[in-house]
N, C-alpha and C. Protein backbone atom coordinates (compact mmCIF):
# COMPACT_ATOMS: atom_id res chain seq x y z
N UNK A 1 197.04 238.58 1.39
CA UNK A 1 197.84 239.76 1.68
C UNK A 1 199.28 239.47 1.21
N UNK A 2 199.86 240.43 0.52
CA UNK A 2 201.23 240.26 0.04
C UNK A 2 202.21 240.33 1.21
N UNK A 3 203.41 239.86 0.97
CA UNK A 3 204.45 239.91 2.00
C UNK A 3 204.74 241.37 2.39
N UNK A 4 204.76 242.28 1.41
CA UNK A 4 205.00 243.70 1.70
C UNK A 4 203.88 244.26 2.57
N UNK A 5 202.64 243.92 2.23
CA UNK A 5 201.50 244.39 3.04
C UNK A 5 201.63 243.88 4.47
N UNK A 6 201.96 242.60 4.61
CA UNK A 6 202.12 242.01 5.94
C UNK A 6 203.27 242.69 6.69
N UNK A 7 204.37 242.95 5.99
CA UNK A 7 205.50 243.64 6.61
C UNK A 7 205.11 245.03 7.08
N UNK A 8 204.35 245.75 6.26
CA UNK A 8 203.89 247.09 6.65
C UNK A 8 203.03 247.03 7.91
N UNK A 9 202.13 246.05 7.97
CA UNK A 9 201.26 245.95 9.14
C UNK A 9 202.03 245.49 10.37
N UNK A 10 203.01 244.60 10.19
CA UNK A 10 203.85 244.18 11.31
C UNK A 10 204.68 245.37 11.80
N UNK A 11 205.22 246.14 10.88
CA UNK A 11 206.01 247.32 11.26
C UNK A 11 205.13 248.35 11.95
N UNK A 12 203.90 248.52 11.45
CA UNK A 12 202.95 249.43 12.10
C UNK A 12 202.71 249.01 13.54
N UNK A 13 202.48 247.71 13.75
CA UNK A 13 202.24 247.21 15.11
C UNK A 13 203.46 247.44 16.00
N UNK A 14 204.63 247.16 15.49
CA UNK A 14 205.85 247.35 16.28
C UNK A 14 206.11 248.80 16.63
N UNK A 15 205.95 249.68 15.66
CA UNK A 15 206.17 251.12 15.91
C UNK A 15 205.11 251.66 16.87
N UNK A 16 203.88 251.19 16.74
CA UNK A 16 202.81 251.63 17.64
C UNK A 16 203.09 251.21 19.07
N UNK A 17 203.54 249.97 19.23
CA UNK A 17 203.87 249.48 20.58
C UNK A 17 205.06 250.24 21.15
N UNK A 18 206.04 250.53 20.32
CA UNK A 18 207.20 251.29 20.80
C UNK A 18 206.76 252.67 21.28
N UNK A 19 205.86 253.31 20.54
CA UNK A 19 205.36 254.62 20.95
C UNK A 19 204.76 254.57 22.34
N UNK A 20 203.86 253.63 22.56
CA UNK A 20 203.17 253.55 23.86
C UNK A 20 204.15 253.18 24.96
N UNK A 21 205.06 252.27 24.68
CA UNK A 21 206.05 251.84 25.66
C UNK A 21 206.94 253.02 26.05
N UNK A 22 207.41 253.78 25.07
CA UNK A 22 208.29 254.91 25.37
C UNK A 22 207.56 255.99 26.15
N UNK A 23 206.27 256.18 25.90
CA UNK A 23 205.51 257.16 26.69
C UNK A 23 205.38 256.69 28.14
N UNK A 24 205.18 255.39 28.33
CA UNK A 24 205.14 254.85 29.70
C UNK A 24 206.51 255.02 30.37
N UNK A 25 207.58 254.78 29.62
CA UNK A 25 208.92 254.96 30.17
C UNK A 25 209.16 256.43 30.53
N UNK A 26 208.65 257.35 29.72
CA UNK A 26 208.81 258.78 29.99
C UNK A 26 208.13 259.15 31.31
N UNK A 27 206.94 258.62 31.55
CA UNK A 27 206.25 258.90 32.82
C UNK A 27 207.09 258.41 33.99
N UNK A 28 207.67 257.23 33.85
CA UNK A 28 208.51 256.69 34.93
C UNK A 28 209.74 257.57 35.13
N UNK A 29 210.37 257.98 34.06
CA UNK A 29 211.55 258.85 34.17
C UNK A 29 211.18 260.17 34.84
N UNK A 30 210.00 260.71 34.50
CA UNK A 30 209.53 261.93 35.16
C UNK A 30 209.38 261.71 36.66
N UNK A 31 208.79 260.58 37.04
CA UNK A 31 208.62 260.27 38.47
C UNK A 31 209.95 260.20 39.19
N UNK A 32 210.98 259.75 38.48
CA UNK A 32 212.31 259.62 39.06
C UNK A 32 213.11 260.92 38.96
N UNK A 33 212.47 261.98 38.41
CA UNK A 33 213.16 263.26 38.29
C UNK A 33 214.17 263.32 37.16
N UNK A 34 214.10 262.39 36.25
CA UNK A 34 215.05 262.33 35.12
C UNK A 34 214.43 263.01 33.90
N UNK A 35 214.34 264.33 33.97
CA UNK A 35 213.63 265.13 32.98
C UNK A 35 214.17 264.94 31.57
N UNK A 36 215.50 264.97 31.41
CA UNK A 36 216.08 264.85 30.08
C UNK A 36 215.82 263.47 29.49
N UNK A 37 215.88 262.44 30.31
CA UNK A 37 215.59 261.09 29.83
C UNK A 37 214.12 260.99 29.44
N UNK A 38 213.25 261.61 30.23
CA UNK A 38 211.82 261.61 29.90
C UNK A 38 211.58 262.30 28.56
N UNK A 39 212.27 263.42 28.34
CA UNK A 39 212.14 264.12 27.06
C UNK A 39 212.63 263.25 25.91
N UNK A 40 213.72 262.53 26.12
CA UNK A 40 214.23 261.63 25.09
C UNK A 40 213.21 260.56 24.76
N UNK A 41 212.62 259.95 25.78
CA UNK A 41 211.60 258.93 25.53
C UNK A 41 210.42 259.52 24.75
N UNK A 42 209.98 260.73 25.13
CA UNK A 42 208.86 261.35 24.42
C UNK A 42 209.23 261.69 22.98
N UNK A 43 210.45 262.14 22.76
CA UNK A 43 210.90 262.44 21.39
C UNK A 43 210.92 261.17 20.54
N UNK A 44 211.47 260.11 21.09
CA UNK A 44 211.50 258.84 20.36
C UNK A 44 210.09 258.33 20.10
N UNK A 45 209.18 258.51 21.07
CA UNK A 45 207.79 258.09 20.89
C UNK A 45 207.16 258.84 19.72
N UNK A 46 207.42 260.13 19.60
CA UNK A 46 206.88 260.90 18.48
C UNK A 46 207.43 260.39 17.16
N UNK A 47 208.73 260.07 17.14
CA UNK A 47 209.33 259.54 15.92
C UNK A 47 208.68 258.21 15.54
N UNK A 48 208.42 257.37 16.54
CA UNK A 48 207.77 256.08 16.27
C UNK A 48 206.36 256.29 15.72
N UNK A 49 205.68 257.33 16.18
CA UNK A 49 204.35 257.65 15.65
C UNK A 49 204.44 258.03 14.18
N UNK A 50 205.45 258.83 13.84
CA UNK A 50 205.64 259.20 12.44
C UNK A 50 205.83 257.94 11.59
N UNK A 51 206.65 257.03 12.09
CA UNK A 51 206.89 255.77 11.37
C UNK A 51 205.58 254.97 11.24
N UNK A 52 204.86 254.83 12.34
CA UNK A 52 203.62 254.04 12.33
C UNK A 52 202.62 254.61 11.34
N UNK A 53 202.44 255.92 11.36
CA UNK A 53 201.49 256.55 10.43
C UNK A 53 201.91 256.33 8.98
N UNK A 54 203.20 256.44 8.71
CA UNK A 54 203.69 256.22 7.34
C UNK A 54 203.44 254.78 6.90
N UNK A 55 203.66 253.82 7.80
CA UNK A 55 203.41 252.42 7.45
C UNK A 55 201.93 252.18 7.17
N UNK A 56 201.07 252.73 8.01
CA UNK A 56 199.64 252.56 7.84
C UNK A 56 199.18 253.19 6.52
N UNK A 57 199.68 254.38 6.24
CA UNK A 57 199.35 255.07 4.99
C UNK A 57 199.85 254.25 3.79
N UNK A 58 201.08 253.76 3.87
CA UNK A 58 201.64 252.97 2.77
C UNK A 58 200.87 251.67 2.55
N UNK A 59 200.30 251.14 3.59
CA UNK A 59 199.50 249.91 3.48
C UNK A 59 198.10 250.18 2.96
N UNK A 60 197.77 251.46 2.76
CA UNK A 60 196.44 251.80 2.24
C UNK A 60 195.33 251.64 3.26
N UNK A 61 195.68 251.77 4.55
CA UNK A 61 194.71 251.52 5.61
C UNK A 61 194.05 252.79 6.15
N UNK A 62 194.43 253.95 5.63
CA UNK A 62 193.78 255.20 6.04
C UNK A 62 192.86 255.60 4.90
N UNK A 63 191.58 255.63 5.21
CA UNK A 63 190.57 255.91 4.19
C UNK A 63 189.83 257.20 4.53
N UNK A 64 188.68 257.41 3.91
CA UNK A 64 187.89 258.58 4.28
C UNK A 64 187.31 258.35 5.68
N UNK A 65 186.83 259.40 6.28
CA UNK A 65 186.39 259.32 7.67
C UNK A 65 185.25 258.33 7.87
N UNK A 66 184.34 258.24 6.92
CA UNK A 66 183.24 257.28 7.06
C UNK A 66 183.78 255.85 7.15
N UNK A 67 184.72 255.52 6.28
CA UNK A 67 185.31 254.18 6.31
C UNK A 67 186.15 253.98 7.57
N UNK A 68 186.87 255.02 7.99
CA UNK A 68 187.67 254.93 9.20
C UNK A 68 186.79 254.73 10.43
N UNK A 69 185.65 255.42 10.47
CA UNK A 69 184.72 255.22 11.59
C UNK A 69 184.20 253.79 11.62
N UNK A 70 183.85 253.25 10.46
CA UNK A 70 183.35 251.87 10.42
C UNK A 70 184.43 250.90 10.86
N UNK A 71 185.67 251.14 10.44
CA UNK A 71 186.77 250.29 10.87
C UNK A 71 186.95 250.37 12.39
N UNK A 72 186.82 251.57 12.94
CA UNK A 72 186.94 251.75 14.39
C UNK A 72 185.81 251.02 15.12
N UNK A 73 184.60 251.12 14.61
CA UNK A 73 183.46 250.41 15.20
C UNK A 73 183.73 248.91 15.19
N UNK A 74 184.18 248.41 14.05
CA UNK A 74 184.46 246.98 13.93
C UNK A 74 185.54 246.54 14.92
N UNK A 75 186.60 247.34 15.03
CA UNK A 75 187.69 246.99 15.93
C UNK A 75 187.27 247.00 17.39
N UNK A 76 186.58 248.05 17.80
CA UNK A 76 186.13 248.16 19.19
C UNK A 76 185.12 247.07 19.51
N UNK A 77 184.22 246.77 18.57
CA UNK A 77 183.21 245.74 18.78
C UNK A 77 183.88 244.37 18.94
N UNK A 78 184.88 244.09 18.11
CA UNK A 78 185.63 242.84 18.26
C UNK A 78 186.26 242.76 19.65
N UNK A 79 186.83 243.87 20.09
CA UNK A 79 187.51 243.86 21.38
C UNK A 79 186.55 243.57 22.52
N UNK A 80 185.37 244.23 22.55
CA UNK A 80 184.49 244.03 23.69
C UNK A 80 183.60 242.80 23.58
N UNK A 81 183.44 242.24 22.38
CA UNK A 81 182.61 241.04 22.26
C UNK A 81 183.41 239.74 22.25
N UNK A 82 184.66 239.80 21.79
CA UNK A 82 185.46 238.58 21.66
C UNK A 82 186.79 238.64 22.39
N UNK A 83 187.61 239.62 22.03
CA UNK A 83 188.99 239.64 22.51
C UNK A 83 189.08 239.71 24.03
N UNK A 84 188.52 240.78 24.62
CA UNK A 84 188.63 240.92 26.07
C UNK A 84 187.87 239.85 26.85
N UNK A 85 186.66 239.45 26.44
CA UNK A 85 186.01 238.37 27.18
C UNK A 85 186.87 237.11 27.25
N UNK A 86 187.54 236.76 26.16
CA UNK A 86 188.41 235.58 26.17
C UNK A 86 189.63 235.80 27.07
N UNK A 87 190.19 237.00 27.02
CA UNK A 87 191.35 237.30 27.86
C UNK A 87 190.97 237.31 29.34
N UNK A 88 189.78 237.78 29.64
CA UNK A 88 189.30 237.78 31.03
C UNK A 88 189.17 236.35 31.53
N UNK A 89 188.59 235.48 30.71
CA UNK A 89 188.46 234.06 31.09
C UNK A 89 189.82 233.45 31.34
N UNK A 90 190.79 233.74 30.48
CA UNK A 90 192.14 233.20 30.64
C UNK A 90 192.77 233.69 31.95
N UNK A 91 192.63 234.98 32.22
CA UNK A 91 193.21 235.54 33.45
C UNK A 91 192.55 234.91 34.68
N UNK A 92 191.24 234.75 34.64
CA UNK A 92 190.53 234.12 35.76
C UNK A 92 190.99 232.68 35.95
N UNK A 93 191.12 231.95 34.83
CA UNK A 93 191.54 230.55 34.90
C UNK A 93 192.94 230.41 35.49
N UNK A 94 193.77 231.42 35.29
CA UNK A 94 195.13 231.40 35.82
C UNK A 94 195.23 232.03 37.21
N UNK A 95 194.08 232.46 37.75
CA UNK A 95 194.06 233.06 39.08
C UNK A 95 194.53 234.50 39.13
N UNK A 96 194.64 235.14 37.98
CA UNK A 96 195.05 236.55 37.92
C UNK A 96 193.81 237.44 38.02
N UNK A 97 193.24 237.50 39.24
CA UNK A 97 191.98 238.22 39.42
C UNK A 97 192.14 239.72 39.19
N UNK A 98 193.28 240.29 39.56
CA UNK A 98 193.48 241.73 39.35
C UNK A 98 193.51 242.05 37.86
N UNK A 99 194.18 241.21 37.09
CA UNK A 99 194.23 241.41 35.64
C UNK A 99 192.84 241.22 35.05
N UNK A 100 192.13 240.20 35.48
CA UNK A 100 190.78 239.95 34.98
C UNK A 100 189.87 241.14 35.29
N UNK A 101 189.99 241.68 36.50
CA UNK A 101 189.15 242.82 36.88
C UNK A 101 189.46 244.03 36.01
N UNK A 102 190.76 244.32 35.83
CA UNK A 102 191.12 245.48 35.02
C UNK A 102 190.69 245.29 33.56
N UNK A 103 190.88 244.08 33.02
CA UNK A 103 190.45 243.83 31.65
C UNK A 103 188.93 243.94 31.52
N UNK A 104 188.22 243.62 32.58
CA UNK A 104 186.77 243.82 32.59
C UNK A 104 186.41 245.29 32.45
N UNK A 105 187.18 246.15 33.14
CA UNK A 105 186.95 247.59 33.01
C UNK A 105 187.27 248.05 31.59
N UNK A 106 188.39 247.60 31.06
CA UNK A 106 188.77 247.98 29.71
C UNK A 106 187.71 247.50 28.71
N UNK A 107 187.21 246.31 28.92
CA UNK A 107 186.16 245.76 28.05
C UNK A 107 184.95 246.69 28.02
N UNK A 108 184.54 247.16 29.19
CA UNK A 108 183.39 248.07 29.26
C UNK A 108 183.67 249.37 28.51
N UNK A 109 184.89 249.85 28.62
CA UNK A 109 185.27 251.10 27.94
C UNK A 109 185.28 250.92 26.43
N UNK A 110 185.73 249.76 25.95
CA UNK A 110 185.74 249.53 24.51
C UNK A 110 184.33 249.59 23.93
N UNK A 111 183.35 249.11 24.68
CA UNK A 111 181.96 249.22 24.22
C UNK A 111 181.52 250.67 24.15
N UNK A 112 181.94 251.47 25.13
CA UNK A 112 181.63 252.91 25.11
C UNK A 112 182.24 253.54 23.86
N UNK A 113 183.49 253.18 23.55
CA UNK A 113 184.14 253.73 22.35
C UNK A 113 183.36 253.37 21.09
N UNK A 114 182.95 252.10 20.97
CA UNK A 114 182.18 251.68 19.80
C UNK A 114 180.91 252.51 19.68
N UNK A 115 180.25 252.74 20.81
CA UNK A 115 179.00 253.51 20.78
C UNK A 115 179.24 254.97 20.43
N UNK A 116 180.35 255.54 20.89
CA UNK A 116 180.67 256.92 20.51
C UNK A 116 180.95 257.02 19.01
N UNK A 117 181.65 256.05 18.46
CA UNK A 117 181.89 256.04 17.01
C UNK A 117 180.57 255.91 16.26
N UNK A 118 179.66 255.09 16.77
CA UNK A 118 178.34 254.96 16.13
C UNK A 118 177.59 256.28 16.17
N UNK A 119 177.72 257.03 17.27
CA UNK A 119 177.09 258.35 17.35
C UNK A 119 177.70 259.29 16.31
N UNK A 120 178.99 259.18 16.09
CA UNK A 120 179.65 260.01 15.08
C UNK A 120 179.12 259.67 13.69
N UNK A 121 178.96 258.39 13.40
CA UNK A 121 178.43 257.97 12.10
C UNK A 121 177.02 258.53 11.92
N UNK A 122 176.23 258.48 12.99
CA UNK A 122 174.84 258.96 12.92
C UNK A 122 174.74 260.48 13.03
N UNK A 123 175.89 261.15 13.10
CA UNK A 123 175.95 262.62 13.22
C UNK A 123 175.20 263.11 14.45
N UNK A 124 175.35 262.37 15.56
CA UNK A 124 174.68 262.71 16.82
C UNK A 124 175.61 263.36 17.84
N UNK A 125 176.82 263.70 17.43
CA UNK A 125 177.73 264.40 18.34
C UNK A 125 177.62 265.90 18.10
N UNK A 126 177.49 266.65 19.17
CA UNK A 126 177.43 268.10 19.05
C UNK A 126 178.74 268.61 18.47
N UNK A 127 178.69 269.66 17.65
CA UNK A 127 179.89 270.15 16.97
C UNK A 127 181.05 270.55 17.91
N UNK A 128 180.75 271.05 19.07
CA UNK A 128 181.80 271.51 19.98
C UNK A 128 182.05 270.56 21.14
N UNK A 129 181.69 269.30 20.95
CA UNK A 129 181.84 268.33 22.02
C UNK A 129 183.30 268.17 22.41
N UNK A 130 183.54 268.20 23.70
CA UNK A 130 184.86 267.87 24.25
C UNK A 130 184.73 266.49 24.89
N UNK A 131 185.75 265.69 24.77
CA UNK A 131 185.75 264.35 25.35
C UNK A 131 186.69 264.32 26.54
N UNK A 132 186.21 263.76 27.63
CA UNK A 132 186.99 263.67 28.87
C UNK A 132 187.27 262.21 29.15
N UNK A 133 188.51 261.94 29.54
CA UNK A 133 188.98 260.57 29.70
C UNK A 133 189.37 260.29 31.14
N UNK A 134 188.93 259.15 31.65
CA UNK A 134 189.30 258.71 32.98
C UNK A 134 190.77 258.27 32.96
N UNK A 135 191.59 258.79 33.88
CA UNK A 135 193.00 258.42 33.89
C UNK A 135 193.28 257.02 34.43
N UNK A 136 192.26 256.38 34.97
CA UNK A 136 192.44 255.04 35.53
C UNK A 136 192.07 253.96 34.53
N UNK A 137 190.87 254.06 33.94
CA UNK A 137 190.38 252.98 33.08
C UNK A 137 190.20 253.39 31.61
N UNK A 138 190.28 254.68 31.32
CA UNK A 138 190.13 255.13 29.95
C UNK A 138 188.69 255.41 29.53
N UNK A 139 187.74 255.31 30.47
CA UNK A 139 186.35 255.63 30.13
C UNK A 139 186.33 257.00 29.46
N UNK A 140 185.57 257.12 28.40
CA UNK A 140 185.52 258.35 27.61
C UNK A 140 184.11 258.91 27.69
N UNK A 141 184.02 260.18 28.09
CA UNK A 141 182.74 260.83 28.37
C UNK A 141 182.58 262.07 27.51
N UNK A 142 181.38 262.26 27.00
CA UNK A 142 181.08 263.49 26.25
C UNK A 142 180.86 264.61 27.25
N UNK A 143 181.70 265.61 27.21
CA UNK A 143 181.58 266.76 28.10
C UNK A 143 182.24 266.50 29.44
N UNK A 144 182.32 267.55 30.26
CA UNK A 144 182.99 267.43 31.56
C UNK A 144 182.35 266.34 32.42
N UNK A 145 183.18 265.68 33.16
CA UNK A 145 182.71 264.61 34.05
C UNK A 145 182.66 265.16 35.46
N UNK A 146 181.48 265.22 36.01
CA UNK A 146 181.32 265.73 37.38
C UNK A 146 181.12 264.61 38.38
N UNK A 147 180.57 263.51 37.91
CA UNK A 147 180.35 262.36 38.79
C UNK A 147 181.56 261.45 38.78
N UNK A 148 181.48 260.40 39.56
CA UNK A 148 182.54 259.39 39.54
C UNK A 148 182.45 258.60 38.24
N UNK A 149 183.56 258.05 37.83
CA UNK A 149 183.61 257.22 36.63
C UNK A 149 182.64 256.05 36.80
N UNK A 150 181.76 255.81 35.82
CA UNK A 150 180.82 254.69 35.95
C UNK A 150 181.48 253.32 35.84
N UNK A 151 182.72 253.28 35.38
CA UNK A 151 183.40 251.99 35.22
C UNK A 151 184.27 251.67 36.42
N UNK A 152 185.12 252.63 36.84
CA UNK A 152 186.10 252.32 37.90
C UNK A 152 185.91 253.17 39.17
N UNK A 153 184.99 254.11 39.13
CA UNK A 153 184.65 254.97 40.28
C UNK A 153 185.70 256.04 40.58
N UNK A 154 186.63 256.30 39.65
CA UNK A 154 187.59 257.40 39.85
C UNK A 154 186.82 258.72 39.89
N UNK A 155 187.37 259.69 40.58
CA UNK A 155 186.71 260.99 40.70
C UNK A 155 186.64 261.68 39.34
N UNK A 156 185.48 262.26 39.06
CA UNK A 156 185.29 262.98 37.81
C UNK A 156 186.27 264.13 37.66
N UNK A 157 186.68 264.70 38.77
CA UNK A 157 187.62 265.83 38.72
C UNK A 157 189.00 265.43 38.21
N UNK A 158 189.29 264.13 38.16
CA UNK A 158 190.59 263.67 37.68
C UNK A 158 190.60 263.46 36.16
N UNK A 159 189.42 263.50 35.53
CA UNK A 159 189.34 263.28 34.09
C UNK A 159 190.09 264.38 33.36
N UNK A 160 190.63 264.06 32.20
CA UNK A 160 191.33 265.04 31.38
C UNK A 160 190.74 265.02 29.99
N UNK A 161 190.97 266.10 29.26
CA UNK A 161 190.44 266.20 27.90
C UNK A 161 191.60 266.22 26.92
N UNK A 162 191.30 265.85 25.70
CA UNK A 162 192.28 265.90 24.63
C UNK A 162 191.69 266.72 23.49
N UNK A 163 192.55 267.34 22.71
CA UNK A 163 192.07 268.20 21.64
C UNK A 163 192.32 267.66 20.27
């Protein structure tokens, strides 16, 4: 990988992290009643997304949907088979049982994501499918969730959808 390619990917990672961090900061500002500060954090987060997408595009990492789906499958599979299991072991070894437990939930969700992407590749998703997400662990469900989350037991009524 060339230095420019590496720089683009490093910049993509940094801008992506800034986006997520600023969105978390916006939620906190909202909780504190600081509406204008929350809006500022959300505006900056959107700008960081623009930067991240441009870096990814410039690095040639956005392909056709079939290739993007395969990349997503590979990434999610790596996360649930290698990355999170190792992180869980580390957290347990350090006595961070709460972190290990939460990473275990995230690990389960990453496998669900990989399987949903595989369904997309196999053209097994209904055309009008809506996806509902657990606000606690990120479990992603095809269609409305009426039962409790199978991963963290959050109420199905708390799930939200994205468009």
